[in-house]
C-alpha cells in the first residue's frame, strides 16, 4: 500500500517537472496555482509596473544628462562671449578702434561736470 502511494507521489513529481507538462498548461490545473491565482496576477501586474517605472526613470535620467551637457556648453559659450566683450570694451581697445577707423574723437582732458537740480 505504501509502495503505491510512493509511486503516485513520484509520478506527480515527474509530471510537475516535465517541460511538456509546463508548456502544455497542465501546471495551471494544480491546486496551488488555482488557489493563488489572484496573488499571481497581482505579482505579474506589479512586475510590469516596476519594469515600466524603471524604463521611464532611465529615460528621464538620460534626458537630465543631455540637458546638463547642453547647460555646460551654453555656460562655456556665455563665458567666452563675456570675456570677448570685456576685452573689446577696454578703454585702450576703444581708443585703438577709433584711431583705426579715422574718427576724429579725443579723450576728454577735463572731467565731466555734475549738474544738480
PDB file of N, CA and C in Angstrom:
ATOM      1  N   UNK A   1       0.821  -1.175   0.000  1.00  0.00           N
ATOM      2  CA  UNK A   1       0.000   0.000   0.000  1.00  0.00           C
ATOM      3  C   UNK A   1       0.882   1.263   0.000  1.00  0.00           C
ATOM      4  N   UNK A   2       1.868   1.199   0.841  1.00  0.00           N
ATOM      5  CA  UNK A   2       2.770   2.340   0.930  1.00  0.00           C
ATOM      6  C   UNK A   2       3.544   2.510  -0.367  1.00  0.00           C
ATOM      7  N   UNK A   3       3.823   1.389  -1.020  1.00  0.00           N
ATOM      8  CA  UNK A   3       4.550   1.437  -2.286  1.00  0.00           C
ATOM      9  C   UNK A   3       3.732   2.169  -3.343  1.00  0.00           C
ATOM     10  N   UNK A   4       2.429   1.929  -3.372  1.00  0.00           N
ATOM     11  CA  UNK A   4       1.572   2.567  -4.361  1.00  0.00           C
ATOM     12  C   UNK A   4       1.508   4.077  -4.123  1.00  0.00           C
ATOM     13  N   UNK A   5       1.450   4.499  -2.857  1.00  0.00           N
ATOM     14  CA  UNK A   5       1.431   5.925  -2.528  1.00  0.00           C
ATOM     15  C   UNK A   5       2.728   6.588  -2.970  1.00  0.00           C
ATOM     16  N   UNK A   6       3.830   5.902  -2.727  1.00  0.00           N
ATOM     17  CA  UNK A   6       5.129   6.457  -3.119  1.00  0.00           C
ATOM     18  C   UNK A   6       5.225   6.559  -4.644  1.00  0.00           C
ATOM     19  N   UNK A   7       4.694   5.550  -5.342  1.00  0.00           N
ATOM     20  CA  UNK A   7       4.729   5.578  -6.807  1.00  0.00           C
ATOM     21  C   UNK A   7       3.874   6.729  -7.350  1.00  0.00           C
ATOM     22  N   UNK A   8       2.714   6.967  -6.727  1.00  0.00           N
ATOM     23  CA  UNK A   8       1.844   8.056  -7.154  1.00  0.00           C
ATOM     24  C   UNK A   8       2.523   9.408  -6.918  1.00  0.00           C
ATOM     25  N   UNK A   9       3.203   9.533  -5.759  1.00  0.00           N
ATOM     26  CA  UNK A   9       3.884  10.779  -5.443  1.00  0.00           C
ATOM     27  C   UNK A   9       5.043  11.028  -6.407  1.00  0.00           C
ATOM     28  N   UNK A  10       5.787   9.977  -6.745  1.00  0.00           N
ATOM     29  CA  UNK A  10       6.894  10.145  -7.691  1.00  0.00           C
ATOM     30  C   UNK A  10       6.371  10.474  -9.077  1.00  0.00           C
ATOM     31  N   UNK A  11       5.222   9.885  -9.471  1.00  0.00           N
ATOM     32  CA  UNK A  11       4.619  10.199 -10.761  1.00  0.00           C
ATOM     33  C   UNK A  11       4.167  11.656 -10.801  1.00  0.00           C
ATOM     34  N   UNK A  12       3.587  12.148  -9.687  1.00  0.00           N
ATOM     35  CA  UNK A  12       3.162  13.548  -9.616  1.00  0.00           C
ATOM     36  C   UNK A  12       4.363  14.468  -9.738  1.00  0.00           C
ATOM     37  N   UNK A  13       5.456  14.122  -9.041  1.00  0.00           N
ATOM     38  CA  UNK A  13       6.666  14.951  -9.121  1.00  0.00           C
ATOM     39  C   UNK A  13       7.238  14.929 -10.531  1.00  0.00           C
ATOM     40  N   UNK A  14       7.247  13.768 -11.166  1.00  0.00           N
ATOM     41  CA  UNK A  14       7.736  13.661 -12.535  1.00  0.00           C
ATOM     42  C   UNK A  14       6.839  14.462 -13.475  1.00  0.00           C
ATOM     43  N   UNK A  15       5.551  14.389 -13.209  1.00  0.00           N
ATOM     44  CA  UNK A  15       4.582  15.094 -14.025  1.00  0.00           C
ATOM     45  C   UNK A  15       4.785  16.608 -13.877  1.00  0.00           C
ATOM     46  N   UNK A  16       5.078  17.080 -12.690  1.00  0.00           N
ATOM     47  CA  UNK A  16       5.280  18.501 -12.428  1.00  0.00           C
ATOM     48  C   UNK A  16       6.582  19.001 -13.049  1.00  0.00           C
ATOM     49  N   UNK A  17       7.578  18.167 -13.069  1.00  0.00           N
ATOM     50  CA  UNK A  17       8.875  18.592 -13.555  1.00  0.00           C
ATOM     51  C   UNK A  17       9.007  18.516 -15.072  1.00  0.00           C
ATOM     52  N   UNK A  18       8.084  17.905 -15.735  1.00  0.00           N
ATOM     53  CA  UNK A  18       8.165  17.732 -17.178  1.00  0.00           C
ATOM     54  C   UNK A  18       7.957  19.070 -17.897  1.00  0.00           C
ATOM     55  N   UNK A  19       8.799  19.359 -18.855  1.00  0.00           N
ATOM     56  CA  UNK A  19       8.697  20.592 -19.631  1.00  0.00           C
ATOM     57  C   UNK A  19       7.422  20.594 -20.462  1.00  0.00           C
ATOM     58  N   UNK A  20       7.080  19.460 -20.988  1.00  0.00           N
ATOM     59  CA  UNK A  20       5.853  19.350 -21.771  1.00  0.00           C
ATOM     60  C   UNK A  20       4.630  19.610 -20.894  1.00  0.00           C
ATOM     61  N   UNK A  21       4.693  19.174 -19.665  1.00  0.00           N
ATOM     62  CA  UNK A  21       3.595  19.397 -18.716  1.00  0.00           C
ATOM     63  C   UNK A  21       3.432  20.890 -18.434  1.00  0.00           C
ATOM     64  N   UNK A  22       4.552  21.591 -18.286  1.00  0.00           N
ATOM     65  CA  UNK A  22       4.501  23.035 -18.005  1.00  0.00           C
ATOM     66  C   UNK A  22       4.040  23.796 -19.238  1.00  0.00           C
ATOM     67  N   UNK A  23       4.630  23.495 -20.389  1.00  0.00           N
ATOM     68  CA  UNK A  23       4.272  24.209 -21.614  1.00  0.00           C
ATOM     69  C   UNK A  23       2.872  23.856 -22.107  1.00  0.00           C
ATOM     70  N   UNK A  24       2.411  22.682 -21.808  1.00  0.00           N
ATOM     71  CA  UNK A  24       1.077  22.257 -22.228  1.00  0.00           C
ATOM     72  C   UNK A  24      -0.023  22.889 -21.405  1.00  0.00           C
ATOM     73  N   UNK A  25       0.306  23.536 -20.309  1.00  0.00           N
ATOM     74  CA  UNK A  25      -0.695  24.204 -19.491  1.00  0.00           C
ATOM     75  C   UNK A  25      -1.211  23.347 -18.358  1.00  0.00           C
ATOM     76  N   UNK A  26      -0.663  22.171 -18.180  1.00  0.00           N
ATOM     77  CA  UNK A  26      -1.103  21.303 -17.101  1.00  0.00           C
ATOM     78  C   UNK A  26      -0.805  21.873 -15.733  1.00  0.00           C
ATOM     79  N   UNK A  27       0.234  22.693 -15.656  1.00  0.00           N
ATOM     80  CA  UNK A  27       0.593  23.283 -14.359  1.00  0.00           C
ATOM     81  C   UNK A  27      -0.484  24.261 -13.883  1.00  0.00           C
ATOM     82  N   UNK A  28      -1.275  24.796 -14.816  1.00  0.00           N
ATOM     83  CA  UNK A  28      -2.322  25.742 -14.439  1.00  0.00           C
ATOM     84  C   UNK A  28      -3.489  25.054 -13.729  1.00  0.00           C
ATOM     85  N   UNK A  29      -3.548  23.742 -13.800  1.00  0.00           N
ATOM     86  CA  UNK A  29      -4.613  22.990 -13.133  1.00  0.00           C
ATOM     87  C   UNK A  29      -4.229  22.603 -11.710  1.00  0.00           C
ATOM     88  N   UNK A  30      -2.994  22.831 -11.325  1.00  0.00           N
ATOM     89  CA  UNK A  30      -2.542  22.456  -9.981  1.00  0.00           C
ATOM     90  C   UNK A  30      -3.310  23.246  -8.926  1.00  0.00           C
ATOM     91  N   UNK A  31      -3.499  22.620  -7.773  1.00  0.00           N
ATOM     92  CA  UNK A  31      -4.265  23.247  -6.687  1.00  0.00           C
ATOM     93  C   UNK A  31      -3.622  24.556  -6.219  1.00  0.00           C
ATOM     94  N   UNK A  32      -2.305  24.556  -6.094  1.00  0.00           N
ATOM     95  CA  UNK A  32      -1.607  25.756  -5.621  1.00  0.00           C
ATOM     96  C   UNK A  32      -1.867  26.936  -6.562  1.00  0.00           C
ATOM     97  N   UNK A  33      -1.770  26.686  -7.844  1.00  0.00           N
ATOM     98  CA  UNK A  33      -1.960  27.755  -8.832  1.00  0.00           C
ATOM     99  C   UNK A  33      -3.403  28.249  -8.808  1.00  0.00           C
ATOM    100  N   UNK A  34      -4.342  27.331  -8.742  1.00  0.00           N
ATOM    101  CA  UNK A  34      -5.762  27.703  -8.744  1.00  0.00           C
ATOM    102  C   UNK A  34      -6.105  28.501  -7.491  1.00  0.00           C
ATOM    103  N   UNK A  35      -5.565  28.084  -6.364  1.00  0.00           N
ATOM    104  CA  UNK A  35      -5.879  28.777  -5.103  1.00  0.00           C
ATOM    105  C   UNK A  35      -5.252  30.174  -5.036  1.00  0.00           C
ATOM    106  N   UNK A  36      -4.105  30.356  -5.662  1.00  0.00           N
ATOM    107  CA  UNK A  36      -3.382  31.627  -5.552  1.00  0.00           C
ATOM    108  C   UNK A  36      -3.365  32.418  -6.862  1.00  0.00           C
ATOM    109  N   UNK A  37      -4.373  32.247  -7.675  1.00  0.00           N
ATOM    110  CA  UNK A  37      -4.437  32.924  -8.973  1.00  0.00           C
ATOM    111  C   UNK A  37      -4.429  34.439  -8.817  1.00  0.00           C
ATOM    112  N   UNK A  38      -5.214  34.957  -7.883  1.00  0.00           N
ATOM    113  CA  UNK A  38      -5.285  36.408  -7.691  1.00  0.00           C
ATOM    114  C   UNK A  38      -3.930  36.969  -7.283  1.00  0.00           C
ATOM    115  N   UNK A  39      -3.245  36.286  -6.400  1.00  0.00           N
ATOM    116  CA  UNK A  39      -1.932  36.746  -5.946  1.00  0.00           C
ATOM    117  C   UNK A  39      -0.924  36.707  -7.096  1.00  0.00           C
ATOM    118  N   UNK A  40      -0.979  35.673  -7.910  1.00  0.00           N
ATOM    119  CA  UNK A  40      -0.051  35.549  -9.040  1.00  0.00           C
ATOM    120  C   UNK A  40      -0.307  36.666 -10.048  1.00  0.00           C
ATOM    121  N   UNK A  41      -1.576  36.948 -10.327  1.00  0.00           N
ATOM    122  CA  UNK A  41      -1.920  38.034 -11.251  1.00  0.00           C
ATOM    123  C   UNK A  41      -1.438  39.367 -10.685  1.00  0.00           C
ATOM    124  N   UNK A  42      -1.621  39.586  -9.398  1.00  0.00           N
ATOM    125  CA  UNK A  42      -1.159  40.817  -8.757  1.00  0.00           C
ATOM    126  C   UNK A  42       0.355  40.959  -8.875  1.00  0.00           C
ATOM    127  N   UNK A  43       1.082  39.881  -8.630  1.00  0.00           N
ATOM    128  CA  UNK A  43       2.543  39.923  -8.721  1.00  0.00           C
ATOM    129  C   UNK A  43       2.984  40.230 -10.154  1.00  0.00           C
ATOM    130  N   UNK A  44       2.326  39.626 -11.130  1.00  0.00           N
ATOM    131  CA  UNK A  44       2.671  39.877 -12.539  1.00  0.00           C
ATOM    132  C   UNK A  44       2.398  41.335 -12.899  1.00  0.00           C
ATOM    133  N   UNK A  45       1.259  41.869 -12.465  1.00  0.00           N
ATOM    134  CA  UNK A  45       0.940  43.272 -12.739  1.00  0.00           C
ATOM    135  C   UNK A  45       1.967  44.187 -12.085  1.00  0.00           C
ATOM    136  N   UNK A  46       2.355  43.904 -10.844  1.00  0.00           N
ATOM    137  CA  UNK A  46       3.365  44.711 -10.164  1.00  0.00           C
ATOM    138  C   UNK A  46       4.716  44.633 -10.871  1.00  0.00           C
ATOM    139  N   UNK A  47       5.062  43.468 -11.375  1.00  0.00           N
ATOM    140  CA  UNK A  47       6.322  43.324 -12.110  1.00  0.00           C
ATOM    141  C   UNK A  47       6.297  44.200 -13.361  1.00  0.00           C
ATOM    142  N   UNK A  48       5.183  44.176 -14.101  1.00  0.00           N
ATOM    143  CA  UNK A  48       5.074  45.033 -15.278  1.00  0.00           C
ATOM    144  C   UNK A  48       5.143  46.511 -14.898  1.00  0.00           C
ATOM    145  N   UNK A  49       4.502  46.873 -13.797  1.00  0.00           N
ATOM    146  CA  UNK A  49       4.534  48.263 -13.325  1.00  0.00           C
ATOM    147  C   UNK A  49       5.960  48.680 -12.991  1.00  0.00           C
ATOM    148  N   UNK A  50       6.691  47.853 -12.265  1.00  0.00           N
ATOM    149  CA  UNK A  50       8.064  48.190 -11.891  1.00  0.00           C
ATOM    150  C   UNK A  50       8.976  48.276 -13.110  1.00  0.00           C
ATOM    151  N   UNK A  51       8.785  47.398 -14.077  1.00  0.00           N
ATOM    152  CA  UNK A  51       9.599  47.450 -15.298  1.00  0.00           C
ATOM    153  C   UNK A  51       9.312  48.745 -16.058  1.00  0.00           C
ATOM    154  N   UNK A  52       8.048  49.097 -16.180  1.00  0.00           N
ATOM    155  CA  UNK A  52       7.683  50.340 -16.853  1.00  0.00           C
ATOM    156  C   UNK A  52       8.206  51.563 -16.119  1.00  0.00           C
ATOM    157  N   UNK A  53       8.127  51.520 -14.802  1.00  0.00           N
ATOM    158  CA  UNK A  53       8.622  52.627 -13.985  1.00  0.00           C
ATOM    159  C   UNK A  53      10.132  52.781 -14.160  1.00  0.00           C
ATOM    160  N   UNK A  54      10.847  51.681 -14.166  1.00  0.00           N
ATOM    161  CA  UNK A  54      12.300  51.745 -14.343  1.00  0.00           C
ATOM    162  C   UNK A  54      12.655  52.284 -15.725  1.00  0.00           C
ATOM    163  N   UNK A  55      11.922  51.864 -16.743  1.00  0.00           N
ATOM    164  CA  UNK A  55      12.159  52.340 -18.103  1.00  0.00           C
ATOM    165  C   UNK A  55      11.952  53.852 -18.178  1.00  0.00           C
ATOM    166  N   UNK A  56      10.871  54.337 -17.589  1.00  0.00           N
ATOM    167  CA  UNK A  56      10.593  55.773 -17.578  1.00  0.00           C
ATOM    168  C   UNK A  56      11.674  56.526 -16.819  1.00  0.00           C
ATOM    169  N   UNK A  57      12.096  55.977 -15.702  1.00  0.00           N
ATOM    170  CA  UNK A  57      13.148  56.603 -14.892  1.00  0.00           C
ATOM    171  C   UNK A  57      14.453  56.692 -15.682  1.00  0.00           C
ATOM    172  N   UNK A  58      14.807  55.643 -16.400  1.00  0.00           N
ATOM    173  CA  UNK A  58      16.037  55.647 -17.194  1.00  0.00           C
ATOM    174  C   UNK A  58      15.950  56.683 -18.313  1.00  0.00           C
ATOM    175  N   UNK A  59      14.793  56.818 -18.936  1.00  0.00           N
ATOM    176  CA  UNK A  59      14.622  57.838 -19.975  1.00  0.00           C
ATOM    177  C   UNK A  59      14.804  59.239 -19.392  1.00  0.00           C
ATOM    178  N   UNK A  60      14.242  59.471 -18.215  1.00  0.00           N
ATOM    179  CA  UNK A  60      14.363  60.788 -17.590  1.00  0.00           C
ATOM    180  C   UNK A  60      15.812  61.065 -17.191  1.00  0.00           C
ATOM    181  N   UNK A  61      16.533  60.053 -16.711  1.00  0.00           N
ATOM    182  CA  UNK A  61      17.937  60.245 -16.364  1.00  0.00           C
ATOM    183  C   UNK A  61      18.769  60.579 -17.603  1.00  0.00           C
ATOM    184  N   UNK A  62      18.487  59.907 -18.715  1.00  0.00           N
ATOM    185  CA  UNK A  62      19.187  60.236 -19.965  1.00  0.00           C
ATOM    186  C   UNK A  62      18.897  61.667 -20.391  1.00  0.00           C
ATOM    187  N   UNK A  63      17.642  62.088 -20.254  1.00  0.00           N
ATOM    188  CA  UNK A  63      17.257  63.454 -20.603  1.00  0.00           C
ATOM    189  C   UNK A  63      17.965  64.464 -19.700  1.00  0.00           C
ATOM    190  N   UNK A  64      18.060  64.159 -18.405  1.00  0.00           N
ATOM    191  CA  UNK A  64      18.753  65.038 -17.459  1.00  0.00           C
ATOM    192  C   UNK A  64      20.225  65.163 -17.833  1.00  0.00           C
ATOM    193  N   UNK A  65      20.868  64.043 -18.160  1.00  0.00           N
ATOM    194  CA  UNK A  65      22.280  64.085 -18.565  1.00  0.00           C
ATOM    195  C   UNK A  65      22.467  64.923 -19.826  1.00  0.00           C
ATOM    196  N   UNK A  66      21.569  64.763 -20.786  1.00  0.00           N
ATOM    197  CA  UNK A  66      21.666  65.534 -22.027  1.00  0.00           C
ATOM    198  C   UNK A  66      21.504  67.024 -21.758  1.00  0.00           C
ATOM    199  N   UNK A  67      20.538  67.374 -20.912  1.00  0.00           N
ATOM    200  CA  UNK A  67      20.312  68.783 -20.598  1.00  0.00           C
ATOM    201  C   UNK A  67      21.464  69.383 -19.791  1.00  0.00           C
ATOM    202  N   UNK A  68      22.067  68.591 -18.903  1.00  0.00           N
ATOM    203  CA  UNK A  68      23.219  69.088 -18.147  1.00  0.00           C
ATOM    204  C   UNK A  68      24.403  69.356 -19.071  1.00  0.00           C
ATOM    205  N   UNK A  69      24.619  68.488 -20.035  1.00  0.00           N
ATOM    206  CA  UNK A  69      25.690  68.701 -21.012  1.00  0.00           C
ATOM    207  C   UNK A  69      25.409  69.946 -21.838  1.00  0.00           C
ATOM    208  N   UNK A  70      24.171  70.123 -22.242  1.00  0.00           N
ATOM    209  CA  UNK A  70      23.791  71.307 -23.005  1.00  0.00           C
ATOM    210  C   UNK A  70      23.980  72.566 -22.162  1.00  0.00           C
ATOM    211  N   UNK A  71      23.648  72.502 -20.872  1.00  0.00           N
ATOM    212  CA  UNK A  71      23.832  73.643 -19.972  1.00  0.00           C
ATOM    213  C   UNK A  71      25.308  73.993 -19.842  1.00  0.00           C
ATOM    214  N   UNK A  72      26.182  72.973 -19.715  1.00  0.00           N
ATOM    215  CA  UNK A  72      27.629  73.227 -19.643  1.00  0.00           C
ATOM    216  C   UNK A  72      28.120  73.933 -20.908  1.00  0.00           C
ATOM    217  N   UNK A  73      27.641  73.474 -22.059  1.00  0.00           N
ATOM    218  CA  UNK A  73      28.053  74.087 -23.322  1.00  0.00           C
ATOM    219  C   UNK A  73      27.606  75.547 -23.404  1.00  0.00           C
ATOM    220  N   UNK A  74      26.371  75.814 -23.003  1.00  0.00           N
ATOM    221  CA  UNK A  74      25.843  77.178 -23.063  1.00  0.00           C
ATOM    222  C   UNK A  74      26.585  78.069 -22.075  1.00  0.00           C
ATOM    223  N   UNK A  75      26.888  77.568 -20.881  1.00  0.00           N
ATOM    224  CA  UNK A  75      27.642  78.366 -19.905  1.00  0.00           C
ATOM    225  C   UNK A  75      29.030  78.703 -20.441  1.00  0.00           C
ATOM    226  N   UNK A  76      29.687  77.727 -21.050  1.00  0.00           N
ATOM    227  CA  UNK A  76      31.003  77.970 -21.614  1.00  0.00           C
ATOM    228  C   UNK A  76      30.932  79.013 -22.715  1.00  0.00           C
ATOM    229  N   UNK A  77      29.937  78.921 -23.573  1.00  0.00           N
ATOM    230  CA  UNK A  77      29.764  79.890 -24.652  1.00  0.00           C
ATOM    231  C   UNK A  77      29.495  81.282 -24.094  1.00  0.00           C
ATOM    232  N   UNK A  78      28.645  81.373 -23.070  1.00  0.00           N
ATOM    233  CA  UNK A  78      28.347  82.667 -22.453  1.00  0.00           C
ATOM    234  C   UNK A  78      29.599  83.258 -21.810  1.00  0.00           C
ATOM    235  N   UNK A  79      30.400  82.428 -21.170  1.00  0.00           N
ATOM    236  CA  UNK A  79      31.633  82.895 -20.540  1.00  0.00           C
ATOM    237  C   UNK A  79      32.619  83.411 -21.579  1.00  0.00           C
ATOM    238  N   UNK A  80      32.758  82.706 -22.687  1.00  0.00           N
ATOM    239  CA  UNK A  80      33.688  83.153 -23.722  1.00  0.00           C
ATOM    240  C   UNK A  80      33.203  84.447 -24.378  1.00  0.00           C
ATOM    241  N   UNK A  81      31.896  84.589 -24.609  1.00  0.00           N
ATOM    242  CA  UNK A  81      31.356  85.822 -25.177  1.00  0.00           C
ATOM    243  C   UNK A  81      31.543  86.978 -24.204  1.00  0.00           C
ATOM    244  N   UNK A  82      31.333  86.724 -22.915  1.00  0.00           N
ATOM    245  CA  UNK A  82      31.510  87.758 -21.900  1.00  0.00           C
ATOM    246  C   UNK A  82      32.967  88.223 -21.841  1.00  0.00           C
ATOM    247  N   UNK A  83      33.900  87.285 -21.903  1.00  0.00           N
ATOM    248  CA  UNK A  83      35.311  87.681 -21.859  1.00  0.00           C
ATOM    249  C   UNK A  83      35.704  88.447 -23.123  1.00  0.00           C
ATOM    250  N   UNK A  84      35.154  88.080 -24.275  1.00  0.00           N
ATOM    251  CA  UNK A  84      35.401  88.826 -25.511  1.00  0.00           C
ATOM    252  C   UNK A  84      34.872  90.253 -25.393  1.00  0.00           C
ATOM    253  N   UNK A  85      33.668  90.388 -24.867  1.00  0.00           N
ATOM    254  CA  UNK A  85      33.067  91.712 -24.701  1.00  0.00           C
ATOM    255  C   UNK A  85      33.882  92.560 -23.736  1.00  0.00           C
ATOM    256  N   UNK A  86      34.352  91.961 -22.670  1.00  0.00           N
ATOM    257  CA  UNK A  86      35.181  92.682 -21.704  1.00  0.00           C
ATOM    258  C   UNK A  86      36.464  93.163 -22.370  1.00  0.00           C
ATOM    259  N   UNK A  87      37.060  92.307 -23.196  1.00  0.00           N
ATOM    260  CA  UNK A  87      38.281  92.700 -23.897  1.00  0.00           C
ATOM    261  C   UNK A  87      38.041  93.818 -24.886  1.00  0.00           C
ATOM    262  N   UNK A  88      36.903  93.793 -25.588  1.00  0.00           N
ATOM    263  CA  UNK A  88      36.600  94.826 -26.582  1.00  0.00           C
ATOM    264  C   UNK A  88      36.172  96.142 -25.951  1.00  0.00           C
ATOM    265  N   UNK A  89      35.690  96.115 -24.723  1.00  0.00           N
ATOM    266  CA  UNK A  89      35.185  97.344 -24.105  1.00  0.00           C
ATOM    267  C   UNK A  89      36.231  98.051 -23.244  1.00  0.00           C
ATOM    268  N   UNK A  90      37.462  97.626 -23.269  1.00  0.00           N
ATOM    269  CA  UNK A  90      38.521  98.336 -22.547  1.00  0.00           C
ATOM    270  C   UNK A  90      38.768  99.685 -23.230  1.00  0.00           C
ATOM    271  N   UNK A  91      39.149 100.638 -22.417  1.00  0.00           N
ATOM    272  CA  UNK A  91      39.348 101.983 -22.954  1.00  0.00           C
ATOM    273  C   UNK A  91      40.448 101.993 -24.009  1.00  0.00           C
ATOM    274  N   UNK A  92      41.523 101.280 -23.789  1.00  0.00           N
ATOM    275  CA  UNK A  92      42.621 101.264 -24.754  1.00  0.00           C
ATOM    276  C   UNK A  92      42.167 100.632 -26.076  1.00  0.00           C
ATOM    277  N   UNK A  93      41.358  99.595 -25.986  1.00  0.00           N
ATOM    278  CA  UNK A  93      40.860  98.943 -27.197  1.00  0.00           C
ATOM    279  C   UNK A  93      39.924  99.879 -27.965  1.00  0.00           C
ATOM    280  N   UNK A  94      39.077 100.615 -27.245  1.00  0.00           N
ATOM    281  CA  UNK A  94      38.157 101.553 -27.885  1.00  0.00           C
ATOM    282  C   UNK A  94      38.938 102.687 -28.546  1.00  0.00           C
ATOM    283  N   UNK A  95      39.961 103.204 -27.855  1.00  0.00           N
ATOM    284  CA  UNK A  95      40.790 104.256 -28.440  1.00  0.00           C
ATOM    285  C   UNK A  95      41.479 103.748 -29.709  1.00  0.00           C
ATOM    286  N   UNK A  96      41.945 102.520 -29.667  1.00  0.00           N
ATOM    287  CA  UNK A  96      42.607 101.939 -30.844  1.00  0.00           C
ATOM    288  C   UNK A  96      41.628 101.812 -32.006  1.00  0.00           C
ATOM    289  N   UNK A  97      40.408 101.359 -31.748  1.00  0.00           N
ATOM    290  CA  UNK A  97      39.411 101.225 -32.804  1.00  0.00           C
ATOM    291  C   UNK A  97      39.006 102.586 -33.381  1.00  0.00           C
ATOM    292  N   UNK A  98      38.880 103.605 -32.537  1.00  0.00           N
ATOM    293  CA  UNK A  98      38.534 104.958 -33.009  1.00  0.00           C
ATOM    294  C   UNK A  98      39.645 105.484 -33.906  1.00  0.00           C
ATOM    295  N   UNK A  99      40.866 105.304 -33.469  1.00  0.00           N
ATOM    296  CA  UNK A  99      42.010 105.764 -34.248  1.00  0.00           C
ATOM    297  C   UNK A  99      42.108 105.002 -35.576  1.00  0.00           C
ATOM    298  N   UNK A 100      41.865 103.703 -35.524  1.00  0.00           N
ATOM    299  CA  UNK A 100      41.943 102.866 -36.720  1.00  0.00           C
ATOM    300  C   UNK A 100      40.876 103.244 -37.745  1.00  0.00           C
ATOM    301  N   UNK A 101      39.697 103.608 -37.284  1.00  0.00           N
ATOM    302  CA  UNK A 101      38.593 103.959 -38.177  1.00  0.00           C
ATOM    303  C   UNK A 101      38.723 105.387 -38.707  1.00  0.00           C
ATOM    304  N   UNK A 102      39.594 106.153 -38.116  1.00  0.00           N
ATOM    305  CA  UNK A 102      39.798 107.525 -38.583  1.00  0.00           C
ATOM    306  C   UNK A 102      38.749 108.482 -38.074  1.00  0.00           C
ATOM    307  N   UNK A 103      38.117 108.174 -36.974  1.00  0.00           N
ATOM    308  CA  UNK A 103      37.107 109.050 -36.388  1.00  0.00           C
ATOM    309  C   UNK A 103      37.831 110.126 -35.590  1.00  0.00           C
ATOM    310  N   UNK A 104      37.368 111.354 -35.734  1.00  0.00           N
ATOM    311  CA  UNK A 104      38.038 112.481 -35.085  1.00  0.00           C
ATOM    312  C   UNK A 104      37.478 112.668 -33.675  1.00  0.00           C
ATOM    313  N   UNK A 105      37.893 111.830 -32.761  1.00  0.00           N
ATOM    314  CA  UNK A 105      37.495 111.929 -31.346  1.00  0.00           C
ATOM    315  C   UNK A 105      38.750 111.862 -30.491  1.00  0.00           C
ATOM    316  N   UNK A 106      38.699 112.562 -29.388  1.00  0.00           N
ATOM    317  CA  UNK A 106      39.823 112.536 -28.451  1.00  0.00           C
ATOM    318  C   UNK A 106      39.294 112.272 -27.052  1.00  0.00           C
ATOM    319  N   UNK A 107      40.184 111.840 -26.177  1.00  0.00           N
ATOM    320  CA  UNK A 107      39.828 111.620 -24.786  1.00  0.00           C
ATOM    321  C   UNK A 107      39.734 112.981 -24.113  1.00  0.00           C
ATOM    322  N   UNK A 108      38.692 113.192 -23.295  1.00  0.00           N
ATOM    323  CA  UNK A 108      38.492 114.471 -22.620  1.00  0.00           C
ATOM    324  C   UNK A 108      39.604 114.706 -21.608  1.00  0.00           C
ATOM    325  N   UNK A 109      40.096 115.949 -21.624  1.00  0.00           N
ATOM    326  CA  UNK A 109      41.176 116.311 -20.692  1.00  0.00           C
ATOM    327  C   UNK A 109      40.608 116.739 -19.341  1.00  0.00           C
ATOM    328  N   UNK A 110      39.358 117.253 -19.342  1.00  0.00           N
ATOM    329  CA  UNK A 110      38.712 117.702 -18.115  1.00  0.00           C
ATOM    330  C   UNK A 110      37.623 116.698 -17.753  1.00  0.00           C
ATOM    331  N   UNK A 111      37.451 116.450 -16.489  1.00  0.00           N
ATOM    332  CA  UNK A 111      36.370 115.540 -16.096  1.00  0.00           C
ATOM    333  C   UNK A 111      35.005 116.195 -16.345  1.00  0.00           C
ATOM    334  N   UNK A 112      33.962 115.410 -16.509  1.00  0.00           N
ATOM    335  CA  UNK A 112      32.635 115.977 -16.750  1.00  0.00           C
ATOM    336  C   UNK A 112      32.094 116.660 -15.499  1.00  0.00           C
ATOM    337  N   UNK A 113      31.238 117.670 -15.729  1.00  0.00           N
ATOM    338  CA  UNK A 113      30.621 118.390 -14.623  1.00  0.00           C
ATOM    339  C   UNK A 113      29.322 117.702 -14.245  1.00  0.00           C
ATOM    340  N   UNK A 114      29.030 117.759 -12.945  1.00  0.00           N
ATOM    341  CA  UNK A 114      27.751 117.247 -12.460  1.00  0.00           C
ATOM    342  C   UNK A 114      26.819 118.408 -12.227  1.00  0.00           C
ATOM    343  N   UNK A 115      25.656 118.364 -12.802  1.00  0.00           N
ATOM    344  CA  UNK A 115      24.675 119.422 -12.645  1.00  0.00           C
ATOM    345  C   UNK A 115      23.576 118.890 -11.739  1.00  0.00           C
ATOM    346  N   UNK A 116      23.316 119.603 -10.648  1.00  0.00           N
ATOM    347  CA  UNK A 116      22.291 119.207  -9.683  1.00  0.00           C
ATOM    348  C   UNK A 116      21.056 120.067  -9.862  1.00  0.00           C
ATOM    349  N   UNK A 117      19.919 119.528  -9.660  1.00  0.00           N
ATOM    350  CA  UNK A 117      18.677 120.290  -9.747  1.00  0.00           C
ATOM    351  C   UNK A 117      18.354 120.940  -8.445  1.00  0.00           C
TER     352      UNK A 117
END
